[in-house]
Amino acid sequence: MQMTSRERVLRAMRRQSVDYVPFSPSFNALSDAQRRGKRWSFPWGAVAV
């Protein structure tokens, strides 16, 4: 199955079969001291304190 990156991401979000799982690393470069007392919203909807 050959698909474009767009098709792959859309199918993965719909929990449909894909040729391989798309992956995009995400990280917060701030230290604990810089994050303290601030909310961090993740792109997938979770919120951490």
PDB file of N, CA and C in Angstrom:
ATOM      1  N   MET A   1       0.853  -1.167   0.000  1.00  0.00           N
ATOM      2  CA  MET A   1       0.000   0.000   0.000  1.00  0.00           C
ATOM      3  C   MET A   1       0.906   1.240   0.000  1.00  0.00           C
ATOM      4  N   GLN A   2       0.865   2.036  -1.031  1.00  0.00           N
ATOM      5  CA  GLN A   2       1.656   3.260  -1.141  1.00  0.00           C
ATOM      6  C   GLN A   2       0.733   4.447  -0.878  1.00  0.00           C
ATOM      7  N   MET A   3       1.082   5.313   0.079  1.00  0.00           N
ATOM      8  CA  MET A   3       0.238   6.468   0.379  1.00  0.00           C
ATOM      9  C   MET A   3       1.090   7.695   0.656  1.00  0.00           C
ATOM     10  N   THR A   4       0.468   8.851   0.508  1.00  0.00           N
ATOM     11  CA  THR A   4       1.171  10.100   0.787  1.00  0.00           C
ATOM     12  C   THR A   4       1.224  10.318   2.298  1.00  0.00           C
ATOM     13  N   SER A   5       2.066  11.232   2.743  1.00  0.00           N
ATOM     14  CA  SER A   5       2.158  11.517   4.174  1.00  0.00           C
ATOM     15  C   SER A   5       0.834  12.054   4.707  1.00  0.00           C
ATOM     16  N   ARG A   6       0.159  12.850   3.891  1.00  0.00           N
ATOM     17  CA  ARG A   6      -1.146  13.384   4.306  1.00  0.00           C
ATOM     18  C   ARG A   6      -2.174  12.257   4.496  1.00  0.00           C
ATOM     19  N   GLU A   7      -2.239  11.364   3.529  1.00  0.00           N
ATOM     20  CA  GLU A   7      -3.161  10.233   3.638  1.00  0.00           C
ATOM     21  C   GLU A   7      -2.836   9.387   4.866  1.00  0.00           C
ATOM     22  N   ARG A   8      -1.555   9.169   5.095  1.00  0.00           N
ATOM     23  CA  ARG A   8      -1.107   8.351   6.227  1.00  0.00           C
ATOM     24  C   ARG A   8      -1.553   8.960   7.551  1.00  0.00           C
ATOM     25  N   VAL A   9      -1.350  10.254   7.717  1.00  0.00           N
ATOM     26  CA  VAL A   9      -1.725  10.919   8.969  1.00  0.00           C
ATOM     27  C   VAL A   9      -3.241  10.908   9.146  1.00  0.00           C
ATOM     28  N   LEU A  10      -3.983  11.212   8.087  1.00  0.00           N
ATOM     29  CA  LEU A  10      -5.445  11.217   8.195  1.00  0.00           C
ATOM     30  C   LEU A  10      -5.978   9.826   8.531  1.00  0.00           C
ATOM     31  N   ARG A  11      -5.441   8.796   7.890  1.00  0.00           N
ATOM     32  CA  ARG A  11      -5.894   7.434   8.172  1.00  0.00           C
ATOM     33  C   ARG A  11      -5.524   7.022   9.597  1.00  0.00           C
ATOM     34  N   ALA A  12      -4.333   7.406  10.055  1.00  0.00           N
ATOM     35  CA  ALA A  12      -3.920   7.069  11.419  1.00  0.00           C
ATOM     36  C   ALA A  12      -4.823   7.757  12.436  1.00  0.00           C
ATOM     37  N   MET A  13      -5.192   9.004  12.181  1.00  0.00           N
ATOM     38  CA  MET A  13      -6.086   9.724  13.100  1.00  0.00           C
ATOM     39  C   MET A  13      -7.477   9.087  13.131  1.00  0.00           C
ATOM     40  N   ARG A  14      -7.872   8.466  12.037  1.00  0.00           N
ATOM     41  CA  ARG A  14      -9.169   7.768  11.971  1.00  0.00           C
ATOM     42  C   ARG A  14      -9.072   6.321  12.448  1.00  0.00           C
ATOM     43  N   ARG A  15      -7.853   5.937  12.901  1.00  0.00           N
ATOM     44  CA  ARG A  15      -7.582   4.573  13.365  1.00  0.00           C
ATOM     45  C   ARG A  15      -7.815   3.540  12.265  1.00  0.00           C
ATOM     46  N   GLN A  16      -7.461   3.913  11.033  1.00  0.00           N
ATOM     47  CA  GLN A  16      -7.522   2.998   9.908  1.00  0.00           C
ATOM     48  C   GLN A  16      -6.117   2.463   9.640  1.00  0.00           C
ATOM     49  N   SER A  17      -6.024   1.427   8.818  1.00  0.00           N
ATOM     50  CA  SER A  17      -4.712   0.828   8.562  1.00  0.00           C
ATOM     51  C   SER A  17      -3.829   1.762   7.724  1.00  0.00           C
ATOM     52  N   VAL A  18      -2.540   1.739   8.031  1.00  0.00           N
ATOM     53  CA  VAL A  18      -1.550   2.552   7.320  1.00  0.00           C
ATOM     54  C   VAL A  18      -0.353   1.671   6.987  1.00  0.00           C
ATOM     55  N   ASP A  19       0.492   2.120   6.039  1.00  0.00           N
ATOM     56  CA  ASP A  19       1.661   1.330   5.677  1.00  0.00           C
ATOM     57  C   ASP A  19       2.719   1.346   6.780  1.00  0.00           C
ATOM     58  N   TYR A  20       2.862   2.467   7.482  1.00  0.00           N
ATOM     59  CA  TYR A  20       3.664   2.530   8.702  1.00  0.00           C
ATOM     60  C   TYR A  20       3.139   3.669   9.551  1.00  0.00           C
ATOM     61  N   VAL A  21       3.427   3.622  10.842  1.00  0.00           N
ATOM     62  CA  VAL A  21       2.880   4.598  11.780  1.00  0.00           C
ATOM     63  C   VAL A  21       3.628   5.916  11.662  1.00  0.00           C
ATOM     64  N   PRO A  22       2.908   7.016  11.400  1.00  0.00           N
ATOM     65  CA  PRO A  22       3.578   8.318  11.340  1.00  0.00           C
ATOM     66  C   PRO A  22       4.046   8.727  12.734  1.00  0.00           C
ATOM     67  N   PHE A  23       5.185   9.399  12.786  1.00  0.00           N
ATOM     68  CA  PHE A  23       5.768   9.789  14.070  1.00  0.00           C
ATOM     69  C   PHE A  23       6.369  11.178  13.956  1.00  0.00           C
ATOM     70  N   SER A  24       6.077  12.000  14.925  1.00  0.00           N
ATOM     71  CA  SER A  24       6.669  13.325  14.983  1.00  0.00           C
ATOM     72  C   SER A  24       7.053  13.601  16.438  1.00  0.00           C
ATOM     73  N   PRO A  25       8.346  13.663  16.725  1.00  0.00           N
ATOM     74  CA  PRO A  25       8.749  13.913  18.112  1.00  0.00           C
ATOM     75  C   PRO A  25       8.319  15.310  18.568  1.00  0.00           C
ATOM     76  N   SER A  26       7.863  15.371  19.784  1.00  0.00           N
ATOM     77  CA  SER A  26       7.434  16.645  20.359  1.00  0.00           C
ATOM     78  C   SER A  26       8.044  16.741  21.751  1.00  0.00           C
ATOM     79  N   PHE A  27       8.634  17.879  22.075  1.00  0.00           N
ATOM     80  CA  PHE A  27       9.234  18.024  23.387  1.00  0.00           C
ATOM     81  C   PHE A  27       9.143  19.472  23.842  1.00  0.00           C
ATOM     82  N   ASN A  28       9.281  19.655  25.135  1.00  0.00           N
ATOM     83  CA  ASN A  28       9.267  20.979  25.735  1.00  0.00           C
ATOM     84  C   ASN A  28      10.682  21.262  26.215  1.00  0.00           C
ATOM     85  N   ALA A  29      11.321  22.255  25.633  1.00  0.00           N
ATOM     86  CA  ALA A  29      12.718  22.543  25.963  1.00  0.00           C
ATOM     87  C   ALA A  29      12.887  23.330  27.254  1.00  0.00           C
ATOM     88  N   LEU A  30      11.813  23.698  27.904  1.00  0.00           N
ATOM     89  CA  LEU A  30      11.928  24.453  29.151  1.00  0.00           C
ATOM     90  C   LEU A  30      12.301  23.535  30.309  1.00  0.00           C
ATOM     91  N   SER A  31      13.069  24.049  31.245  1.00  0.00           N
ATOM     92  CA  SER A  31      13.440  23.275  32.427  1.00  0.00           C
ATOM     93  C   SER A  31      12.272  23.244  33.411  1.00  0.00           C
ATOM     94  N   ASP A  32      12.379  22.394  34.433  1.00  0.00           N
ATOM     95  CA  ASP A  32      11.324  22.324  35.453  1.00  0.00           C
ATOM     96  C   ASP A  32      11.097  23.683  36.107  1.00  0.00           C
ATOM     97  N   ALA A  33      12.184  24.405  36.398  1.00  0.00           N
ATOM     98  CA  ALA A  33      12.064  25.716  37.047  1.00  0.00           C
ATOM     99  C   ALA A  33      11.325  26.710  36.146  1.00  0.00           C
ATOM    100  N   GLN A  34      11.556  26.653  34.838  1.00  0.00           N
ATOM    101  CA  GLN A  34      10.883  27.568  33.921  1.00  0.00           C
ATOM    102  C   GLN A  34       9.400  27.208  33.756  1.00  0.00           C
ATOM    103  N   ARG A  35       9.060  25.927  33.873  1.00  0.00           N
ATOM    104  CA  ARG A  35       7.670  25.483  33.703  1.00  0.00           C
ATOM    105  C   ARG A  35       6.849  25.618  34.974  1.00  0.00           C
ATOM    106  N   ARG A  36       7.498  25.693  36.116  1.00  0.00           N
ATOM    107  CA  ARG A  36       6.801  25.668  37.404  1.00  0.00           C
ATOM    108  C   ARG A  36       5.719  26.747  37.465  1.00  0.00           C
ATOM    109  N   GLY A  37       4.503  26.315  37.799  1.00  0.00           N
ATOM    110  CA  GLY A  37       3.391  27.248  37.944  1.00  0.00           C
ATOM    111  C   GLY A  37       2.707  27.608  36.636  1.00  0.00           C
ATOM    112  N   LYS A  38       3.178  27.073  35.522  1.00  0.00           N
ATOM    113  CA  LYS A  38       2.576  27.382  34.223  1.00  0.00           C
ATOM    114  C   LYS A  38       1.919  26.130  33.659  1.00  0.00           C
ATOM    115  N   ARG A  39       0.819  26.310  32.948  1.00  0.00           N
ATOM    116  CA  ARG A  39       0.145  25.184  32.310  1.00  0.00           C
ATOM    117  C   ARG A  39       0.774  24.925  30.950  1.00  0.00           C
ATOM    118  N   TRP A  40       0.830  23.670  30.564  1.00  0.00           N
ATOM    119  CA  TRP A  40       1.363  23.280  29.269  1.00  0.00           C
ATOM    120  C   TRP A  40       0.283  22.503  28.534  1.00  0.00           C
ATOM    121  N   SER A  41      -0.158  23.009  27.397  1.00  0.00           N
ATOM    122  CA  SER A  41      -1.188  22.327  26.612  1.00  0.00           C
ATOM    123  C   SER A  41      -0.533  21.529  25.496  1.00  0.00           C
ATOM    124  N   PHE A  42      -0.814  20.247  25.455  1.00  0.00           N
ATOM    125  CA  PHE A  42      -0.269  19.375  24.422  1.00  0.00           C
ATOM    126  C   PHE A  42      -1.142  19.432  23.178  1.00  0.00           C
ATOM    127  N   PRO A  43      -0.568  19.205  21.989  1.00  0.00           N
ATOM    128  CA  PRO A  43      -1.360  19.278  20.751  1.00  0.00           C
ATOM    129  C   PRO A  43      -2.476  18.256  20.692  1.00  0.00           C
ATOM    130  N   TRP A  44      -2.377  17.168  21.459  1.00  0.00           N
ATOM    131  CA  TRP A  44      -3.401  16.126  21.405  1.00  0.00           C
ATOM    132  C   TRP A  44      -4.489  16.343  22.454  1.00  0.00           C
ATOM    133  N   GLY A  45      -4.465  17.480  23.170  1.00  0.00           N
ATOM    134  CA  GLY A  45      -5.571  17.824  24.056  1.00  0.00           C
ATOM    135  C   GLY A  45      -5.317  17.659  25.534  1.00  0.00           C
ATOM    136  N   ALA A  46      -4.290  16.920  25.937  1.00  0.00           N
ATOM    137  CA  ALA A  46      -4.022  16.746  27.367  1.00  0.00           C
ATOM    138  C   ALA A  46      -3.408  18.028  27.921  1.00  0.00           C
ATOM    139  N   VAL A  47      -3.637  18.263  29.185  1.00  0.00           N
ATOM    140  CA  VAL A  47      -3.071  19.443  29.838  1.00  0.00           C
ATOM    141  C   VAL A  47      -2.284  18.978  31.048  1.00  0.00           C
ATOM    142  N   ALA A  48      -1.066  19.457  31.187  1.00  0.00           N
ATOM    143  CA  ALA A  48      -0.230  19.140  32.334  1.00  0.00           C
ATOM    144  C   ALA A  48       0.011  20.410  33.139  1.00  0.00           C
ATOM    145  N   VAL A  49       0.241  20.237  34.410  1.00  0.00           N
ATOM    146  CA  VAL A  49       0.505  21.391  35.275  1.00  0.00           C
ATOM    147  C   VAL A  49       1.953  21.372  35.672  1.00  0.00           C
TER     148      VAL A  49
END
